[in-house]
Amino acid sequence: MYARSAYYQSGGAFGFRDQLQDALSLKFVSAELLKKQILKHARHQFEEGDVLHWWHDETKRGIRTRFSDDLLWLPFSVCEYVEFTGDYSLLDIQVPYLEGSLLNFRRR
């Protein structure tokens, strides 16, 4: 969770899916940590619905992708958090969307 060093990304970036998965596994130890991760990841979502697949907090740089599995982990994590804690106040917290150039759409 804190090392952020996978074989394909050893530069210490936050991974959208990876850190949410890790935080979900820690909900039994610290539901607050899961809540913080959910809010951190919500701030890395674009208004169009896509997210930064990974990013560096220090440089504010990351990679915007169309990876569909990333999009499932934020709502799933929110549902797990609310069901586990009963804390619906998470749903009232507003965070800003990222702004950036749209991804080109290519059909295959």
Protein backbone atom coordinates (compact mmCIF):
# COMPACT_ATOMS: atom_id res chain seq x y z
CA MET A 1 0.00 0.00 0.00
CA TYR A 2 2.71 2.46 0.93
CA ALA A 3 5.54 1.00 -1.14
CA ARG A 4 3.68 1.45 -4.44
CA SER A 5 6.19 -0.60 -6.34
CA ALA A 6 4.91 -3.14 -8.82
CA TYR A 7 7.05 -4.92 -11.38
CA TYR A 8 5.60 -2.75 -14.16
CA GLN A 9 5.62 0.55 -12.25
CA SER A 10 8.48 0.75 -9.82
CA GLY A 11 8.50 4.56 -9.69
CA GLY A 12 6.20 4.84 -6.67
CA ALA A 13 3.03 5.94 -8.43
CA PHE A 14 -0.44 5.45 -6.98
CA GLY A 15 -2.40 2.90 -8.97
CA PHE A 16 -6.13 3.52 -9.19
CA ARG A 17 -7.18 -0.12 -9.00
CA ASP A 18 -4.24 -1.40 -6.97
CA GLN A 19 -4.50 0.94 -3.98
CA LEU A 20 -8.28 0.56 -3.79
CA GLN A 21 -7.90 -3.22 -3.72
CA ASP A 22 -5.27 -2.94 -1.00
CA ALA A 23 -7.41 -0.56 1.05
CA LEU A 24 -10.41 -2.88 0.77
CA SER A 25 -8.41 -5.67 2.33
CA LEU A 26 -7.51 -3.38 5.24
CA LYS A 27 -11.08 -2.30 6.08
CA PHE A 28 -11.11 -4.75 9.00
CA VAL A 29 -8.07 -3.03 10.49
CA SER A 30 -8.83 0.59 9.52
CA ALA A 31 -12.05 1.59 7.81
CA GLU A 32 -10.78 5.19 8.01
CA LEU A 33 -7.86 4.25 5.77
CA LEU A 34 -10.32 2.88 3.21
CA LYS A 35 -12.34 6.09 3.40
CA LYS A 36 -9.23 8.21 2.81
CA GLN A 37 -8.25 6.07 -0.19
CA ILE A 38 -11.75 6.37 -1.66
CA LEU A 39 -11.60 10.16 -1.41
CA LYS A 40 -8.06 10.27 -2.83
CA HIS A 41 -9.15 8.20 -5.81
CA ALA A 42 -12.35 10.19 -6.32
CA ARG A 43 -10.13 13.25 -6.83
CA HIS A 44 -8.42 11.41 -9.72
CA GLN A 45 -11.57 10.95 -11.78
CA PHE A 46 -12.50 13.06 -14.79
CA GLU A 47 -16.00 14.45 -15.33
CA GLU A 48 -16.29 12.18 -18.37
CA GLY A 49 -16.02 9.19 -16.01
CA ASP A 50 -12.52 7.96 -16.79
CA VAL A 51 -9.66 8.13 -14.29
CA LEU A 52 -5.92 8.36 -14.00
CA HIS A 53 -4.76 4.75 -14.14
CA TRP A 54 -1.75 5.78 -12.08
CA TRP A 55 -0.34 9.08 -10.85
CA HIS A 56 2.37 10.72 -8.76
CA ASP A 57 1.12 13.09 -6.06
CA GLU A 58 4.44 14.93 -6.02
CA THR A 59 4.36 15.94 -9.68
CA LYS A 60 0.58 15.89 -10.24
CA ARG A 61 1.24 13.80 -13.35
CA GLY A 62 -0.29 10.52 -14.35
CA ILE A 63 -1.72 8.44 -17.17
CA ARG A 64 -5.31 8.86 -18.33
CA THR A 65 -6.64 5.66 -19.86
CA ARG A 66 -9.82 3.88 -20.89
CA PHE A 67 -9.08 0.79 -18.79
CA SER A 68 -12.57 -0.37 -17.89
CA ASP A 69 -11.68 -2.28 -14.73
CA ASP A 70 -10.45 0.92 -13.03
CA LEU A 71 -13.95 2.36 -13.31
CA LEU A 72 -15.48 -0.45 -11.26
CA TRP A 73 -13.24 -0.19 -8.21
CA LEU A 74 -14.36 3.22 -6.94
CA PRO A 75 -18.11 2.46 -6.74
CA PHE A 76 -17.37 -1.03 -5.44
CA SER A 77 -15.13 0.38 -2.71
CA VAL A 78 -17.74 2.96 -1.75
CA CYS A 79 -20.42 0.26 -1.46
CA GLU A 80 -18.13 -1.94 0.63
CA TYR A 81 -17.22 0.95 2.92
CA VAL A 82 -20.83 2.04 3.49
CA GLU A 83 -22.05 -1.51 4.03
CA PHE A 84 -19.19 -2.32 6.42
CA THR A 85 -19.29 0.88 8.48
CA GLY A 86 -22.86 2.14 8.09
CA ASP A 87 -21.29 5.57 7.47
CA TYR A 88 -23.44 7.09 4.72
CA SER A 89 -21.87 10.51 5.26
CA LEU A 90 -19.19 9.51 2.74
CA LEU A 91 -21.84 9.94 0.05
CA ASP A 92 -22.26 13.62 0.98
CA ILE A 93 -18.59 14.53 0.52
CA GLN A 94 -17.90 16.40 -2.70
CA VAL A 95 -14.49 16.40 -4.36
CA PRO A 96 -13.54 18.15 -7.59
CA TYR A 97 -13.10 16.30 -10.86
CA LEU A 98 -9.83 16.43 -12.75
CA GLU A 99 -9.76 18.46 -15.92
CA GLY A 100 -7.72 17.49 -18.94
CA SER A 101 -7.64 16.88 -22.65
CA LEU A 102 -10.08 14.24 -23.81
CA LEU A 103 -8.73 10.91 -24.91
CA ASN A 104 -8.95 10.14 -28.60
CA PHE A 105 -11.56 7.51 -29.36
CA ARG A 106 -10.57 4.80 -31.81
CA ARG A 107 -12.80 1.97 -32.90
CA ARG A 108 -11.27 -1.39 -33.60
